[in-house]
Amino acid sequence: MNMHDQAHSAPTRESLVAALRKREFSMHYQPQLSCRTARVAGAEALMRWHSAERNGPVSPASFIPLAEQSGFIVELGDWSMASALRMMAAWRDEARLPADFRLAINLSRRQIVPELPGKVERLIAQAGLEPSCVELEITESYLFHDLPTMVEVTRQLRKLGVRVAIDDFGTGFSVLEHLRHIPATTIKIDCSFTRQMLEIERDHIIMRNLIRMVRDLGMESVCEGVETMAQLEAVKDMGADYWQGFLFSPALPGAEFRGLLDAPGMDLR
């Protein structure tokens, strides 16, 4: 196989294992901003892969599903969580983090097993962080797989003081029935609503009522995919707590994200 074929061929489990060994994976962080203060109040940790063999980045849409299917996502997820927690500890030591700053880390469905809370507790302790500044994200669709385990694991995480977020909220079916049993602290409203709410009245109504429901249930809302000032003004007017999106920043390497922590905030005038 020549270099061109390697660059365009689908990744394999073996290539993922080799990439982790060669330290080709890294973590990037997309800022989450407070709708009230306009300052950075958190970050979502996102995995990136720069492949030497492929001479460039590999899309997460390409390698994450493979890691899920092969089971390697558990090892990769453990690595990403430990890396992200160490980075937050470094930010804490170098910058003055807001009191409500939280680091959101995505979980794979394969990671949500009875052993997860103990593993999370150890990793947080090793990083020297408080559990309350860590938020673990569960994609909404996961709620339809082995709900009893999901409920028990999330309850144990909450007992530790770790926050639990439901990601991509609003894209599933009958999710409200499942939400009754999950002790979530945060709901992340899917970017599809953010993108279309100003063009499609039905989406605007759904989003406004989702934000109101989240608030009435005592949880916090994060609106994903904010790309324009008009969208930002709309989610603020609806009463959202936080937002993230390209309007402010894409996901950044840890050192670049560190520079945002000293910034005065986003000018919303």
C-alpha atoms as a PDB file:
ATOM      1  CA  MET A   1       0.000   0.000   0.000  1.00  0.00           C
ATOM      2  CA  ASN A   2       1.431   3.381  -1.004  1.00  0.00           C
ATOM      3  CA  MET A   3       1.284   6.571   1.082  1.00  0.00           C
ATOM      4  CA  HIS A   4      -1.798   7.859  -0.763  1.00  0.00           C
ATOM      5  CA  ASP A   5      -3.734   4.649  -0.084  1.00  0.00           C
ATOM      6  CA  GLN A   6      -2.727   4.706   3.590  1.00  0.00           C
ATOM      7  CA  ALA A   7      -3.920   8.287   3.969  1.00  0.00           C
ATOM      8  CA  HIS A   8      -7.373   7.460   2.571  1.00  0.00           C
ATOM      9  CA  SER A   9      -7.955   3.960   3.946  1.00  0.00           C
ATOM     10  CA  ALA A  10     -10.248   3.453   6.928  1.00  0.00           C
ATOM     11  CA  PRO A  11      -8.457   3.220  10.274  1.00  0.00           C
ATOM     12  CA  THR A  12      -8.259  -0.155  11.989  1.00  0.00           C
ATOM     13  CA  ARG A  13      -8.208  -1.208  15.618  1.00  0.00           C
ATOM     14  CA  GLU A  14      -4.503  -1.924  15.252  1.00  0.00           C
ATOM     15  CA  SER A  15      -3.879   1.606  13.990  1.00  0.00           C
ATOM     16  CA  LEU A  16      -5.745   3.016  17.017  1.00  0.00           C
ATOM     17  CA  VAL A  17      -3.676   0.923  19.419  1.00  0.00           C
ATOM     18  CA  ALA A  18      -0.476   2.031  17.688  1.00  0.00           C
ATOM     19  CA  ALA A  19      -1.573   5.679  17.706  1.00  0.00           C
ATOM     20  CA  LEU A  20      -2.161   5.630  21.459  1.00  0.00           C
ATOM     21  CA  ARG A  21       1.233   4.010  22.006  1.00  0.00           C
ATOM     22  CA  LYS A  22       2.907   6.638  19.804  1.00  0.00           C
ATOM     23  CA  ARG A  23       1.046   9.473  21.590  1.00  0.00           C
ATOM     24  CA  GLU A  24      -0.710  10.665  18.466  1.00  0.00           C
ATOM     25  CA  PHE A  25      -3.936  11.412  20.338  1.00  0.00           C
ATOM     26  CA  SER A  26      -4.452  14.727  22.087  1.00  0.00           C
ATOM     27  CA  MET A  27      -7.239  16.519  23.895  1.00  0.00           C
ATOM     28  CA  HIS A  28      -8.760  19.790  22.737  1.00  0.00           C
ATOM     29  CA  TYR A  29     -11.178  21.908  24.754  1.00  0.00           C
ATOM     30  CA  GLN A  30     -14.174  23.906  23.541  1.00  0.00           C
ATOM     31  CA  PRO A  31     -15.110  26.784  25.858  1.00  0.00           C
ATOM     32  CA  GLN A  32     -18.515  26.965  27.511  1.00  0.00           C
ATOM     33  CA  LEU A  33     -19.610  30.496  28.367  1.00  0.00           C
ATOM     34  CA  SER A  34     -22.014  31.805  30.961  1.00  0.00           C
ATOM     35  CA  CYS A  35     -25.038  33.567  29.496  1.00  0.00           C
ATOM     36  CA  ARG A  36     -25.081  35.769  32.590  1.00  0.00           C
ATOM     37  CA  THR A  37     -21.438  36.907  32.817  1.00  0.00           C
ATOM     38  CA  ALA A  38     -20.237  36.255  29.222  1.00  0.00           C
ATOM     39  CA  ARG A  39     -17.087  34.676  30.684  1.00  0.00           C
ATOM     40  CA  VAL A  40     -15.632  31.218  30.111  1.00  0.00           C
ATOM     41  CA  ALA A  41     -17.224  29.004  32.757  1.00  0.00           C
ATOM     42  CA  GLY A  42     -16.219  25.563  31.550  1.00  0.00           C
ATOM     43  CA  ALA A  43     -14.864  23.398  28.781  1.00  0.00           C
ATOM     44  CA  GLU A  44     -15.851  20.278  26.889  1.00  0.00           C
ATOM     45  CA  ALA A  45     -12.919  17.909  26.368  1.00  0.00           C
ATOM     46  CA  LEU A  46     -12.763  16.475  22.847  1.00  0.00           C
ATOM     47  CA  MET A  47     -10.355  13.884  21.483  1.00  0.00           C
ATOM     48  CA  ARG A  48      -8.216  14.548  18.401  1.00  0.00           C
ATOM     49  CA  TRP A  49      -5.928  12.266  16.388  1.00  0.00           C
ATOM     50  CA  HIS A  50      -3.049  13.522  14.252  1.00  0.00           C
ATOM     51  CA  SER A  51      -1.755  10.485  12.382  1.00  0.00           C
ATOM     52  CA  ALA A  52       1.848  10.354  11.222  1.00  0.00           C
ATOM     53  CA  GLU A  53       0.986   7.484   8.881  1.00  0.00           C
ATOM     54  CA  ARG A  54      -1.836   9.480   7.304  1.00  0.00           C
ATOM     55  CA  ASN A  55       0.150  12.706   7.451  1.00  0.00           C
ATOM     56  CA  GLY A  56      -2.589  14.693   9.124  1.00  0.00           C
ATOM     57  CA  PRO A  57      -5.696  14.709  11.303  1.00  0.00           C
ATOM     58  CA  VAL A  58      -8.206  11.860  11.296  1.00  0.00           C
ATOM     59  CA  SER A  59     -11.836  12.840  11.760  1.00  0.00           C
ATOM     60  CA  PRO A  60     -13.408  11.747  15.062  1.00  0.00           C
ATOM     61  CA  ALA A  61     -16.397  10.658  12.969  1.00  0.00           C
ATOM     62  CA  SER A  62     -14.051   8.086  11.450  1.00  0.00           C
ATOM     63  CA  PHE A  63     -12.174   6.723  14.447  1.00  0.00           C
ATOM     64  CA  ILE A  64     -14.642   7.053  17.350  1.00  0.00           C
ATOM     65  CA  PRO A  65     -17.217   4.603  15.880  1.00  0.00           C
ATOM     66  CA  LEU A  66     -14.400   2.138  15.159  1.00  0.00           C
ATOM     67  CA  ALA A  67     -13.138   2.443  18.722  1.00  0.00           C
ATOM     68  CA  GLU A  68     -16.694   1.839  19.953  1.00  0.00           C
ATOM     69  CA  GLN A  69     -17.240  -1.222  17.791  1.00  0.00           C
ATOM     70  CA  SER A  70     -13.877  -2.782  18.611  1.00  0.00           C
ATOM     71  CA  GLY A  71     -14.089  -2.140  22.352  1.00  0.00           C
ATOM     72  CA  PHE A  72     -10.892  -0.070  22.330  1.00  0.00           C
ATOM     73  CA  ILE A  73     -12.970   2.948  23.328  1.00  0.00           C
ATOM     74  CA  VAL A  74     -12.705   1.876  26.979  1.00  0.00           C
ATOM     75  CA  GLU A  75      -8.908   2.178  27.026  1.00  0.00           C
ATOM     76  CA  LEU A  76      -9.056   5.297  24.875  1.00  0.00           C
ATOM     77  CA  GLY A  77     -11.727   6.790  27.132  1.00  0.00           C
ATOM     78  CA  ASP A  78      -9.671   6.112  30.259  1.00  0.00           C
ATOM     79  CA  TRP A  79      -6.695   7.836  28.655  1.00  0.00           C
ATOM     80  CA  SER A  80      -8.758  10.848  27.562  1.00  0.00           C
ATOM     81  CA  MET A  81     -10.336  11.271  31.000  1.00  0.00           C
ATOM     82  CA  ALA A  82      -6.981  11.104  32.800  1.00  0.00           C
ATOM     83  CA  SER A  83      -5.428  13.545  30.303  1.00  0.00           C
ATOM     84  CA  ALA A  84      -8.282  16.039  30.591  1.00  0.00           C
ATOM     85  CA  LEU A  85      -8.234  15.942  34.395  1.00  0.00           C
ATOM     86  CA  ARG A  86      -4.487  16.566  34.461  1.00  0.00           C
ATOM     87  CA  MET A  87      -4.963  19.535  32.138  1.00  0.00           C
ATOM     88  CA  MET A  88      -7.628  21.036  34.368  1.00  0.00           C
ATOM     89  CA  ALA A  89      -5.327  20.644  37.363  1.00  0.00           C
ATOM     90  CA  ALA A  90      -2.679  22.582  35.419  1.00  0.00           C
ATOM     91  CA  TRP A  91      -5.171  25.350  34.600  1.00  0.00           C
ATOM     92  CA  ARG A  92      -6.135  25.553  38.252  1.00  0.00           C
ATOM     93  CA  ASP A  93      -2.498  25.953  39.267  1.00  0.00           C
ATOM     94  CA  GLU A  94      -1.729  28.550  36.568  1.00  0.00           C
ATOM     95  CA  ALA A  95      -4.935  30.587  36.394  1.00  0.00           C
ATOM     96  CA  ARG A  96      -7.784  31.706  38.578  1.00  0.00           C
ATOM     97  CA  LEU A  97     -10.668  29.472  37.553  1.00  0.00           C
ATOM     98  CA  PRO A  98     -14.248  30.662  38.127  1.00  0.00           C
ATOM     99  CA  ALA A  99     -15.885  29.076  41.160  1.00  0.00           C
ATOM    100  CA  ASP A 100     -18.432  27.308  38.946  1.00  0.00           C
ATOM    101  CA  PHE A 101     -15.921  26.137  36.312  1.00  0.00           C
ATOM    102  CA  ARG A 102     -16.609  22.598  35.126  1.00  0.00           C
ATOM    103  CA  LEU A 103     -14.779  20.227  32.818  1.00  0.00           C
ATOM    104  CA  ALA A 104     -17.150  18.152  30.681  1.00  0.00           C
ATOM    105  CA  ILE A 105     -15.862  14.747  29.570  1.00  0.00           C
ATOM    106  CA  ASN A 106     -17.749  12.514  27.144  1.00  0.00           C
ATOM    107  CA  LEU A 107     -18.462   8.925  28.089  1.00  0.00           C
ATOM    108  CA  SER A 108     -18.836   5.996  25.730  1.00  0.00           C
ATOM    109  CA  ARG A 109     -21.707   3.621  26.352  1.00  0.00           C
ATOM    110  CA  ARG A 110     -19.115   0.880  26.891  1.00  0.00           C
ATOM    111  CA  GLN A 111     -17.602   2.867  29.765  1.00  0.00           C
ATOM    112  CA  ILE A 112     -20.864   3.015  31.691  1.00  0.00           C
ATOM    113  CA  VAL A 113     -20.392  -0.089  33.817  1.00  0.00           C
ATOM    114  CA  PRO A 114     -20.569  -0.657  37.600  1.00  0.00           C
ATOM    115  CA  GLU A 115     -16.797  -0.158  37.918  1.00  0.00           C
ATOM    116  CA  LEU A 116     -16.917   3.362  36.431  1.00  0.00           C
ATOM    117  CA  PRO A 117     -17.583   5.386  39.628  1.00  0.00           C
ATOM    118  CA  GLY A 118     -14.579   3.861  41.402  1.00  0.00           C
ATOM    119  CA  LYS A 119     -12.360   4.534  38.404  1.00  0.00           C
ATOM    120  CA  VAL A 120     -13.571   8.144  38.159  1.00  0.00           C
ATOM    121  CA  GLU A 121     -13.003   8.673  41.876  1.00  0.00           C
ATOM    122  CA  ARG A 122      -9.389   7.451  41.581  1.00  0.00           C
ATOM    123  CA  LEU A 123      -8.606   9.593  38.538  1.00  0.00           C
ATOM    124  CA  ILE A 124     -10.055  12.724  40.144  1.00  0.00           C
ATOM    125  CA  ALA A 125      -8.061  12.086  43.324  1.00  0.00           C
ATOM    126  CA  GLN A 126      -4.860  11.522  41.328  1.00  0.00           C
ATOM    127  CA  ALA A 127      -5.380  14.886  39.603  1.00  0.00           C
ATOM    128  CA  GLY A 128      -6.038  16.604  42.938  1.00  0.00           C
ATOM    129  CA  LEU A 129      -9.404  17.993  41.830  1.00  0.00           C
ATOM    130  CA  GLU A 130     -12.781  18.381  43.485  1.00  0.00           C
ATOM    131  CA  PRO A 131     -15.472  16.048  42.079  1.00  0.00           C
ATOM    132  CA  SER A 132     -17.896  18.968  41.723  1.00  0.00           C
ATOM    133  CA  CYS A 133     -15.803  20.521  38.933  1.00  0.00           C
ATOM    134  CA  VAL A 134     -16.076  17.378  36.785  1.00  0.00           C
ATOM    135  CA  GLU A 135     -19.076  16.745  34.551  1.00  0.00           C
ATOM    136  CA  LEU A 136     -19.499  13.447  32.706  1.00  0.00           C
ATOM    137  CA  GLU A 137     -21.574  13.618  29.522  1.00  0.00           C
ATOM    138  CA  ILE A 138     -23.902  10.794  28.499  1.00  0.00           C
ATOM    139  CA  THR A 139     -25.383  10.960  25.014  1.00  0.00           C
ATOM    140  CA  GLU A 140     -29.171  10.921  25.088  1.00  0.00           C
ATOM    141  CA  SER A 141     -29.389   7.769  22.948  1.00  0.00           C
ATOM    142  CA  TYR A 142     -27.496   5.809  25.626  1.00  0.00           C
ATOM    143  CA  LEU A 143     -30.553   6.070  27.880  1.00  0.00           C
ATOM    144  CA  PHE A 144     -32.232   3.414  25.746  1.00  0.00           C
ATOM    145  CA  HIS A 145     -29.565   0.777  26.521  1.00  0.00           C
ATOM    146  CA  ASP A 146     -29.581  -1.058  29.860  1.00  0.00           C
ATOM    147  CA  LEU A 147     -31.381   1.663  31.798  1.00  0.00           C
ATOM    148  CA  PRO A 148     -30.990  -0.066  35.217  1.00  0.00           C
ATOM    149  CA  THR A 149     -27.175   0.017  34.931  1.00  0.00           C
ATOM    150  CA  MET A 150     -27.301   3.593  33.653  1.00  0.00           C
ATOM    151  CA  VAL A 151     -29.433   4.673  36.607  1.00  0.00           C
ATOM    152  CA  GLU A 152     -27.256   2.959  39.209  1.00  0.00           C
ATOM    153  CA  VAL A 153     -23.957   4.216  37.749  1.00  0.00           C
ATOM    154  CA  THR A 154     -25.179   7.816  37.489  1.00  0.00           C
ATOM    155  CA  ARG A 155     -26.513   7.694  41.044  1.00  0.00           C
ATOM    156  CA  GLN A 156     -23.135   6.513  42.296  1.00  0.00           C
ATOM    157  CA  LEU A 157     -21.410   9.295  40.342  1.00  0.00           C
ATOM    158  CA  ARG A 158     -23.714  11.862  41.930  1.00  0.00           C
ATOM    159  CA  LYS A 159     -22.932  10.454  45.386  1.00  0.00           C
ATOM    160  CA  LEU A 160     -19.270  11.177  44.648  1.00  0.00           C
ATOM    161  CA  GLY A 161     -20.201  14.771  43.814  1.00  0.00           C
ATOM    162  CA  VAL A 162     -19.538  14.402  40.076  1.00  0.00           C
ATOM    163  CA  ARG A 163     -21.943  16.233  37.771  1.00  0.00           C
ATOM    164  CA  VAL A 164     -23.872  14.308  35.099  1.00  0.00           C
ATOM    165  CA  ALA A 165     -24.953  15.854  31.793  1.00  0.00           C
ATOM    166  CA  ILE A 166     -27.288  14.488  29.127  1.00  0.00           C
ATOM    167  CA  ASP A 167     -25.803  15.393  25.731  1.00  0.00           C
ATOM    168  CA  ASP A 168     -27.599  15.887  22.388  1.00  0.00           C
ATOM    169  CA  PHE A 169     -30.859  16.342  24.280  1.00  0.00           C
ATOM    170  CA  GLY A 170     -34.019  16.481  22.182  1.00  0.00           C
ATOM    171  CA  THR A 171     -32.943  14.050  19.461  1.00  0.00           C
ATOM    172  CA  GLY A 172     -34.342  10.813  20.952  1.00  0.00           C
ATOM    173  CA  PHE A 173     -37.779   9.309  21.471  1.00  0.00           C
ATOM    174  CA  SER A 174     -39.611   9.195  24.817  1.00  0.00           C
ATOM    175  CA  VAL A 175     -36.485  10.494  26.534  1.00  0.00           C
ATOM    176  CA  LEU A 176     -38.515  12.272  29.215  1.00  0.00           C
ATOM    177  CA  GLU A 177     -39.627   8.910  30.597  1.00  0.00           C
ATOM    178  CA  HIS A 178     -35.985   7.862  30.990  1.00  0.00           C
ATOM    179  CA  LEU A 179     -34.942  11.266  32.326  1.00  0.00           C
ATOM    180  CA  ARG A 180     -37.189  10.686  35.347  1.00  0.00           C
ATOM    181  CA  HIS A 181     -34.725   8.060  36.567  1.00  0.00           C
ATOM    182  CA  ILE A 182     -31.360   9.700  35.760  1.00  0.00           C
ATOM    183  CA  PRO A 183     -30.032  12.173  38.387  1.00  0.00           C
ATOM    184  CA  ALA A 184     -28.711  14.599  35.781  1.00  0.00           C
ATOM    185  CA  THR A 185     -27.444  18.046  36.742  1.00  0.00           C
ATOM    186  CA  THR A 186     -27.114  19.463  33.222  1.00  0.00           C
ATOM    187  CA  ILE A 187     -28.969  19.147  29.930  1.00  0.00           C
ATOM    188  CA  LYS A 188     -27.104  19.974  26.709  1.00  0.00           C
ATOM    189  CA  ILE A 189     -29.612  20.935  24.045  1.00  0.00           C
ATOM    190  CA  ASP A 190     -28.636  19.558  20.655  1.00  0.00           C
ATOM    191  CA  CYS A 191     -27.139  21.926  18.096  1.00  0.00           C
ATOM    192  CA  SER A 192     -29.815  21.006  15.536  1.00  0.00           C
ATOM    193  CA  PHE A 193     -32.305  23.112  17.519  1.00  0.00           C
ATOM    194  CA  THR A 194     -29.859  26.006  17.852  1.00  0.00           C
ATOM    195  CA  ARG A 195     -29.197  26.048  14.104  1.00  0.00           C
ATOM    196  CA  GLN A 196     -32.843  26.057  13.068  1.00  0.00           C
ATOM    197  CA  MET A 197     -34.676  27.874  15.867  1.00  0.00           C
ATOM    198  CA  LEU A 198     -34.596  31.246  14.088  1.00  0.00           C
ATOM    199  CA  GLU A 199     -35.895  29.781  10.822  1.00  0.00           C
ATOM    200  CA  ILE A 200     -38.354  27.155  12.057  1.00  0.00           C
ATOM    201  CA  GLU A 201     -40.945  28.367  14.563  1.00  0.00           C
ATOM    202  CA  ARG A 202     -41.604  24.847  15.846  1.00  0.00           C
ATOM    203  CA  ASP A 203     -37.919  24.437  16.782  1.00  0.00           C
ATOM    204  CA  HIS A 204     -37.963  27.829  18.501  1.00  0.00           C
ATOM    205  CA  ILE A 205     -40.961  26.781  20.600  1.00  0.00           C
ATOM    206  CA  ILE A 206     -39.425  23.402  21.442  1.00  0.00           C
ATOM    207  CA  MET A 207     -36.129  24.962  22.479  1.00  0.00           C
ATOM    208  CA  ARG A 208     -37.758  27.652  24.613  1.00  0.00           C
ATOM    209  CA  ASN A 209     -39.830  25.053  26.430  1.00  0.00           C
ATOM    210  CA  LEU A 210     -36.886  22.676  26.856  1.00  0.00           C
ATOM    211  CA  ILE A 211     -34.884  25.422  28.554  1.00  0.00           C
ATOM    212  CA  ARG A 212     -37.844  26.285  30.780  1.00  0.00           C
ATOM    213  CA  MET A 213     -38.375  22.611  31.679  1.00  0.00           C
ATOM    214  CA  VAL A 214     -34.699  22.155  32.536  1.00  0.00           C
ATOM    215  CA  ARG A 215     -34.797  25.200  34.810  1.00  0.00           C
ATOM    216  CA  ASP A 216     -38.030  24.068  36.495  1.00  0.00           C
ATOM    217  CA  LEU A 217     -36.455  20.661  37.191  1.00  0.00           C
ATOM    218  CA  GLY A 218     -33.552  22.344  38.985  1.00  0.00           C
ATOM    219  CA  MET A 219     -30.976  21.533  36.316  1.00  0.00           C
ATOM    220  CA  GLU A 220     -28.756  23.749  34.174  1.00  0.00           C
ATOM    221  CA  SER A 221     -28.965  24.114  30.401  1.00  0.00           C
ATOM    222  CA  VAL A 222     -26.165  24.339  27.852  1.00  0.00           C
ATOM    223  CA  CYS A 223     -27.044  25.306  24.271  1.00  0.00           C
ATOM    224  CA  GLU A 224     -24.695  23.732  21.750  1.00  0.00           C
ATOM    225  CA  GLY A 225     -23.721  24.957  18.301  1.00  0.00           C
ATOM    226  CA  VAL A 226     -24.137  28.724  18.741  1.00  0.00           C
ATOM    227  CA  GLU A 227     -22.621  30.293  15.625  1.00  0.00           C
ATOM    228  CA  THR A 228     -24.241  33.737  15.271  1.00  0.00           C
ATOM    229  CA  MET A 229     -25.004  36.693  17.538  1.00  0.00           C
ATOM    230  CA  ALA A 230     -28.691  36.297  16.703  1.00  0.00           C
ATOM    231  CA  GLN A 231     -28.628  32.723  18.012  1.00  0.00           C
ATOM    232  CA  LEU A 232     -26.801  33.831  21.143  1.00  0.00           C
ATOM    233  CA  GLU A 233     -29.291  36.594  21.861  1.00  0.00           C
ATOM    234  CA  ALA A 234     -32.120  34.104  21.384  1.00  0.00           C
ATOM    235  CA  VAL A 235     -30.772  31.506  23.832  1.00  0.00           C
ATOM    236  CA  LYS A 236     -30.055  34.258  26.373  1.00  0.00           C
ATOM    237  CA  ASP A 237     -33.606  35.575  26.033  1.00  0.00           C
ATOM    238  CA  MET A 238     -34.911  32.028  26.542  1.00  0.00           C
ATOM    239  CA  GLY A 239     -33.079  31.824  29.867  1.00  0.00           C
ATOM    240  CA  ALA A 240     -30.304  29.360  29.005  1.00  0.00           C
ATOM    241  CA  ASP A 241     -27.487  29.089  31.544  1.00  0.00           C
ATOM    242  CA  TYR A 242     -24.501  28.356  29.280  1.00  0.00           C
ATOM    243  CA  TRP A 243     -23.627  28.096  25.622  1.00  0.00           C
ATOM    244  CA  GLN A 244     -20.820  26.864  23.401  1.00  0.00           C
ATOM    245  CA  GLY A 245     -20.087  27.156  19.712  1.00  0.00           C
ATOM    246  CA  PHE A 246     -17.921  28.566  16.963  1.00  0.00           C
ATOM    247  CA  LEU A 247     -19.233  32.099  17.605  1.00  0.00           C
ATOM    248  CA  PHE A 248     -16.689  32.244  20.416  1.00  0.00           C
ATOM    249  CA  SER A 249     -14.202  29.469  19.695  1.00  0.00           C
ATOM    250  CA  PRO A 250     -13.700  25.970  18.310  1.00  0.00           C
ATOM    251  CA  ALA A 251     -12.041  23.330  20.467  1.00  0.00           C
ATOM    252  CA  LEU A 252      -8.462  24.367  21.299  1.00  0.00           C
ATOM    253  CA  PRO A 253      -5.322  22.645  22.594  1.00  0.00           C
ATOM    254  CA  GLY A 254      -4.961  22.952  26.356  1.00  0.00           C
ATOM    255  CA  ALA A 255      -2.260  25.635  26.240  1.00  0.00           C
ATOM    256  CA  GLU A 256      -4.359  27.853  23.948  1.00  0.00           C
ATOM    257  CA  PHE A 257      -7.460  27.342  26.076  1.00  0.00           C
ATOM    258  CA  ARG A 258      -5.442  28.458  29.094  1.00  0.00           C
ATOM    259  CA  GLY A 259      -5.106  31.898  27.483  1.00  0.00           C
ATOM    260  CA  LEU A 260      -8.894  32.310  27.425  1.00  0.00           C
ATOM    261  CA  LEU A 261      -9.136  31.998  31.189  1.00  0.00           C
ATOM    262  CA  ASP A 262      -7.585  35.425  31.730  1.00  0.00           C
ATOM    263  CA  ALA A 263      -9.718  37.088  29.040  1.00  0.00           C
ATOM    264  CA  PRO A 264     -12.290  39.659  30.198  1.00  0.00           C
ATOM    265  CA  GLY A 265     -15.115  37.756  28.526  1.00  0.00           C
ATOM    266  CA  MET A 266     -17.024  38.106  25.285  1.00  0.00           C
ATOM    267  CA  ASP A 267     -18.346  41.537  24.363  1.00  0.00           C
ATOM    268  CA  LEU A 268     -22.069  40.934  23.885  1.00  0.00           C
ATOM    269  CA  ARG A 269     -22.995  44.491  23.011  1.00  0.00           C
END
